[in-house]
C-alpha atoms as a PDB file:
ATOM      1  CA  MET A   1      55.058  27.559  -1.825  1.00  0.00           C
ATOM      2  CA  GLN A   2      51.705  27.451  -3.554  1.00  0.00           C
ATOM      3  CA  ASP A   3      49.570  24.304  -3.614  1.00  0.00           C
ATOM      4  CA  THR A   4      49.599  23.527  -7.352  1.00  0.00           C
ATOM      5  CA  GLU A   5      47.593  20.332  -6.992  1.00  0.00           C
ATOM      6  CA  SER A   6      44.412  22.207  -6.062  1.00  0.00           C
ATOM      7  CA  ILE A   7      44.762  24.520  -9.077  1.00  0.00           C
ATOM      8  CA  TYR A   8      44.685  21.701 -11.601  1.00  0.00           C
ATOM      9  CA  ALA A   9      42.318  19.318  -9.815  1.00  0.00           C
ATOM     10  CA  PRO A  10      38.827  18.927 -11.253  1.00  0.00           C
ATOM     11  CA  PRO A  11      36.048  20.465  -9.210  1.00  0.00           C
ATOM     12  CA  GLN A  12      34.495  18.164  -6.646  1.00  0.00           C
ATOM     13  CA  ALA A  13      30.731  17.804  -6.644  1.00  0.00           C
ATOM     14  CA  ASN A  14      28.771  17.184  -3.488  1.00  0.00           C
ATOM     15  CA  LEU A  15      26.477  14.489  -4.866  1.00  0.00           C
ATOM     16  CA  GLU A  16      24.733  13.787  -1.573  1.00  0.00           C
ATOM     17  CA  ALA A  17      23.598  17.400  -1.320  1.00  0.00           C
ATOM     18  CA  ALA A  18      22.455  17.318  -4.952  1.00  0.00           C
ATOM     19  CA  ASP A  19      20.441  14.138  -4.323  1.00  0.00           C
ATOM     20  CA  ALA A  20      18.854  15.683  -1.251  1.00  0.00           C
ATOM     21  CA  ALA A  21      17.972  18.850  -3.144  1.00  0.00           C
ATOM     22  CA  ALA A  22      16.475  16.886  -6.038  1.00  0.00           C
ATOM     23  CA  SER A  23      14.560  14.665  -3.642  1.00  0.00           C
ATOM     24  CA  GLY A  24      13.140  17.677  -1.826  1.00  0.00           C
ATOM     25  CA  ALA A  25      12.116  19.255  -5.139  1.00  0.00           C
ATOM     26  CA  ARG A  26       9.901  16.260  -5.855  1.00  0.00           C
ATOM     27  CA  GLY A  27       7.895  16.917  -2.742  1.00  0.00           C
ATOM     28  CA  ARG A  28       6.940  14.778   0.172  1.00  0.00           C
ATOM     29  CA  LEU A  29       5.906  11.183  -0.402  1.00  0.00           C
ATOM     30  CA  TYR A  30       3.254   9.196   1.443  1.00  0.00           C
ATOM     31  CA  SER A  31       4.557   6.097   3.205  1.00  0.00           C
ATOM     32  CA  PRO A  32       2.895   2.711   2.672  1.00  0.00           C
ATOM     33  CA  ARG A  33       1.477   3.056   6.184  1.00  0.00           C
ATOM     34  CA  ALA A  34      -0.121   6.394   5.248  1.00  0.00           C
ATOM     35  CA  VAL A  35      -1.602   4.766   2.133  1.00  0.00           C
ATOM     36  CA  ALA A  36      -3.044   2.009   4.343  1.00  0.00           C
ATOM     37  CA  VAL A  37      -4.530   4.554   6.779  1.00  0.00           C
ATOM     38  CA  ALA A  38      -6.166   6.486   3.937  1.00  0.00           C
ATOM     39  CA  THR A  39      -7.545   3.226   2.561  1.00  0.00           C
ATOM     40  CA  PHE A  40      -8.918   2.242   5.970  1.00  0.00           C
ATOM     41  CA  LEU A  41     -10.699   5.572   6.369  1.00  0.00           C
ATOM     42  CA  GLY A  42     -11.741   6.167   2.792  1.00  0.00           C
ATOM     43  CA  SER A  43     -11.597   3.057   0.559  1.00  0.00           C
ATOM     44  CA  LEU A  44      -9.355   1.875  -2.229  1.00  0.00           C
ATOM     45  CA  LEU A  45      -9.887   5.190  -3.997  1.00  0.00           C
ATOM     46  CA  ALA A  46      -8.221   7.152  -1.197  1.00  0.00           C
ATOM     47  CA  GLY A  47      -5.223   4.843  -1.035  1.00  0.00           C
ATOM     48  CA  GLY A  48      -4.967   4.735  -4.824  1.00  0.00           C
ATOM     49  CA  SER A  49      -5.029   8.522  -4.964  1.00  0.00           C
ATOM     50  CA  LEU A  50      -2.110   8.770  -2.540  1.00  0.00           C
ATOM     51  CA  MET A  51      -0.167   6.184  -4.521  1.00  0.00           C
ATOM     52  CA  ALA A  52      -0.899   8.133  -7.708  1.00  0.00           C
ATOM     53  CA  LEU A  53       0.313  11.312  -6.033  1.00  0.00           C
ATOM     54  CA  ASN A  54       3.521   9.534  -5.008  1.00  0.00           C
ATOM     55  CA  PHE A  55       4.066   8.304  -8.560  1.00  0.00           C
ATOM     56  CA  ARG A  56       3.457  11.810  -9.877  1.00  0.00           C
ATOM     57  CA  ARG A  57       5.975  13.289  -7.460  1.00  0.00           C
ATOM     58  CA  LEU A  58       8.458  10.620  -8.500  1.00  0.00           C
ATOM     59  CA  GLY A  59       8.057  11.717 -12.114  1.00  0.00           C
ATOM     60  CA  ARG A  60       6.182   8.589 -13.161  1.00  0.00           C
ATOM     61  CA  GLY A  61       3.004  10.023 -14.692  1.00  0.00           C
ATOM     62  CA  ARG A  62       1.941   6.844 -16.491  1.00  0.00           C
ATOM     63  CA  ALA A  63       2.236   4.817 -13.271  1.00  0.00           C
ATOM     64  CA  ALA A  64       0.124   7.476 -11.521  1.00  0.00           C
ATOM     65  CA  LEU A  65      -2.608   7.020 -14.113  1.00  0.00           C
ATOM     66  CA  TRP A  66      -2.483   3.228 -13.711  1.00  0.00           C
ATOM     67  CA  ALA A  67      -2.675   3.558  -9.920  1.00  0.00           C
ATOM     68  CA  LEU A  68      -5.852   5.631 -10.186  1.00  0.00           C
ATOM     69  CA  LEU A  69      -7.399   3.387 -12.813  1.00  0.00           C
ATOM     70  CA  GLY A  70      -6.558   0.280 -10.793  1.00  0.00           C
ATOM     71  CA  ALA A  71      -8.119   1.770  -7.651  1.00  0.00           C
ATOM     72  CA  VAL A  72     -11.303   2.724  -9.503  1.00  0.00           C
ATOM     73  CA  LEU A  73     -11.630  -0.730 -11.099  1.00  0.00           C
ATOM     74  CA  ALA A  74     -10.892  -2.554  -7.851  1.00  0.00           C
ATOM     75  CA  GLN A  75     -13.425  -0.431  -5.970  1.00  0.00           C
ATOM     76  CA  ALA A  76     -16.053  -1.067  -8.647  1.00  0.00           C
ATOM     77  CA  ALA A  77     -15.356  -4.810  -8.480  1.00  0.00           C
ATOM     78  CA  LEU A  78     -15.673  -4.751  -4.697  1.00  0.00           C
ATOM     79  CA  PHE A  79     -19.031  -2.948  -4.906  1.00  0.00           C
ATOM     80  CA  ALA A  80     -20.225  -5.381  -7.567  1.00  0.00           C
ATOM     81  CA  LEU A  81     -19.226  -8.315  -5.380  1.00  0.00           C
ATOM     82  CA  ALA A  82     -20.954  -6.834  -2.337  1.00  0.00           C
ATOM     83  CA  PHE A  83     -24.207  -6.251  -4.225  1.00  0.00           C
ATOM     84  CA  ALA A  84     -24.074  -9.563  -6.130  1.00  0.00           C
ATOM     85  CA  LEU A  85     -23.818 -11.745  -3.046  1.00  0.00           C
ATOM     86  CA  PRO A  86     -27.161 -13.247  -2.041  1.00  0.00           C
ATOM     87  CA  ALA A  87     -28.789 -11.912   1.102  1.00  0.00           C
ATOM     88  CA  SER A  88     -28.261 -15.270   2.791  1.00  0.00           C
ATOM     89  CA  VAL A  89     -24.484 -14.781   2.613  1.00  0.00           C
ATOM     90  CA  HIS A  90     -23.425 -12.333   5.269  1.00  0.00           C
ATOM     91  CA  VAL A  91     -19.885 -10.996   5.010  1.00  0.00           C
ATOM     92  CA  PRO A  92     -18.896  -8.715   7.886  1.00  0.00           C
ATOM     93  CA  SER A  93     -17.940  -5.227   6.764  1.00  0.00           C
ATOM     94  CA  VAL A  94     -14.627  -5.574   8.581  1.00  0.00           C
ATOM     95  CA  ALA A  95     -13.684  -8.289   6.069  1.00  0.00           C
ATOM     96  CA  TYR A  96     -14.159  -5.876   3.158  1.00  0.00           C
ATOM     97  CA  THR A  97     -12.133  -3.219   4.943  1.00  0.00           C
ATOM     98  CA  ALA A  98      -9.338  -5.580   5.973  1.00  0.00           C
ATOM     99  CA  VAL A  99      -8.917  -6.864   2.426  1.00  0.00           C
ATOM    100  CA  GLN A 100      -8.732  -3.328   1.039  1.00  0.00           C
ATOM    101  CA  VAL A 101      -6.159  -2.197   3.606  1.00  0.00           C
ATOM    102  CA  LEU A 102      -3.958  -5.274   3.192  1.00  0.00           C
ATOM    103  CA  VAL A 103      -4.051  -5.086  -0.604  1.00  0.00           C
ATOM    104  CA  MET A 104      -3.128  -1.397  -0.648  1.00  0.00           C
ATOM    105  CA  LEU A 105      -0.400  -1.824   1.995  1.00  0.00           C
ATOM    106  CA  TYR A 106       1.138  -4.628  -0.047  1.00  0.00           C
ATOM    107  CA  ALA A 107       0.820  -2.666  -3.309  1.00  0.00           C
ATOM    108  CA  ALA A 108       2.376   0.476  -1.817  1.00  0.00           C
ATOM    109  CA  LYS A 109       5.300  -1.469  -0.351  1.00  0.00           C
ATOM    110  CA  ARG A 110       5.848  -3.502  -3.494  1.00  0.00           C
ATOM    111  CA  LEU A 111       5.440  -0.714  -6.062  1.00  0.00           C
ATOM    112  CA  GLN A 112       6.803   2.283  -4.170  1.00  0.00           C
ATOM    113  CA  GLY A 113       8.714   1.050  -1.134  1.00  0.00           C
ATOM    114  CA  ALA A 114      12.176   1.215  -2.719  1.00  0.00           C
ATOM    115  CA  ASP A 115      11.518   4.667  -4.198  1.00  0.00           C
ATOM    116  CA  ILE A 116      10.260   5.972  -0.863  1.00  0.00           C
ATOM    117  CA  ASP A 117      13.297   4.547   0.942  1.00  0.00           C
ATOM    118  CA  SER A 118      15.625   6.167  -1.611  1.00  0.00           C
ATOM    119  CA  HIS A 119      13.762   9.451  -1.239  1.00  0.00           C
ATOM    120  CA  VAL A 120      14.138   9.412   2.552  1.00  0.00           C
ATOM    121  CA  ASN A 121      17.784   8.275   2.420  1.00  0.00           C
ATOM    122  CA  ALA A 122      18.559  11.174   0.068  1.00  0.00           C
ATOM    123  CA  GLY A 123      17.134  13.638   2.580  1.00  0.00           C
ATOM    124  CA  GLY A 124      13.571  13.773   1.264  1.00  0.00           C
ATOM    125  CA  ARG A 125      10.687  13.984   3.669  1.00  0.00           C
ATOM    126  CA  LEU A 126       7.520  11.992   4.090  1.00  0.00           C
ATOM    127  CA  ALA A 127       4.101  13.586   3.836  1.00  0.00           C
ATOM    128  CA  SER A 128       2.078  13.896   7.004  1.00  0.00           C
ATOM    129  CA  GLY A 129       0.111  10.889   8.170  1.00  0.00           C
ATOM    130  CA  TRP A 130      -2.524  13.334   9.388  1.00  0.00           C
ATOM    131  CA  THR A 131      -2.930  14.631   5.853  1.00  0.00           C
ATOM    132  CA  ALA A 132      -3.334  11.059   4.624  1.00  0.00           C
ATOM    133  CA  ALA A 133      -5.969  10.462   7.305  1.00  0.00           C
ATOM    134  CA  GLY A 134      -7.805  13.649   6.321  1.00  0.00           C
ATOM    135  CA  ILE A 135      -7.784  12.633   2.658  1.00  0.00           C
ATOM    136  CA  GLY A 136      -9.082   9.212   3.665  1.00  0.00           C
ATOM    137  CA  LEU A 137     -11.897  10.741   5.719  1.00  0.00           C
ATOM    138  CA  LEU A 138     -12.834  13.043   2.858  1.00  0.00           C
ATOM    139  CA  TYR A 139     -13.030  10.117   0.441  1.00  0.00           C
ATOM    140  CA  GLY A 140     -14.978   8.131   3.035  1.00  0.00           C
ATOM    141  CA  MET A 141     -17.583  10.886   3.389  1.00  0.00           C
ATOM    142  CA  VAL A 142     -17.954  11.209  -0.384  1.00  0.00           C
ATOM    143  CA  MET A 143     -18.267   7.426  -0.756  1.00  0.00           C
ATOM    144  CA  MET A 144     -20.887   7.246   1.999  1.00  0.00           C
ATOM    145  CA  ALA A 145     -22.894  10.103   0.495  1.00  0.00           C
ATOM    146  CA  GLY A 146     -22.742   8.455  -2.933  1.00  0.00           C
ATOM    147  CA  LEU A 147     -23.820   5.121  -1.492  1.00  0.00           C
ATOM    148  CA  LEU A 148     -26.748   6.701   0.347  1.00  0.00           C
ATOM    149  CA  VAL A 149     -27.908   8.503  -2.788  1.00  0.00           C
ATOM    150  CA  ALA A 150     -27.635   5.294  -4.829  1.00  0.00           C
ATOM    151  CA  LEU A 151     -29.577   3.292  -2.247  1.00  0.00           C
ATOM    152  CA  ASP A 152     -32.288   5.954  -2.078  1.00  0.00           C
ATOM    153  CA  ARG A 153     -32.515   6.287  -5.840  1.00  0.00           C
ATOM    154  CA  PHE A 154     -32.561   2.609  -6.699  1.00  0.00           C
ATOM    155  CA  GLY A 155     -34.525   1.499  -3.639  1.00  0.00           C
ATOM    156  CA  ALA A 156     -32.159  -1.259  -2.550  1.00  0.00           C
END
């Protein structure tokens, strides 16, 4: 006797495999911790760049643009604050760094945490923390070179 039920049954889709394949096609995402590491080593611009890359890989191009713009504006405001403070007010550099790292860690968790969790749960992979650290170091070197040129040029 032939199994007639299987002949007339609709095809079954393996949705978990499809989600995993789609998630992998988007590429690897940087975790909030990786964003924080890049920020620690290279400033708000490094962390903002990784968040923008995550948004881009998630198919959210407008959010990627806002992440970059926000990082640039926040970094400019931080520089303005640092240069506007009178010489009598000494703020340790670790305070500037800690604020940047905490802000970017919070922003990455708040804005991308759920998407990153969904990506991983669907079989997607995270980008390397070492890559995030390298990007942070690269941004840090560029920022330091720019700061040295500005200080030399404007005699501060």
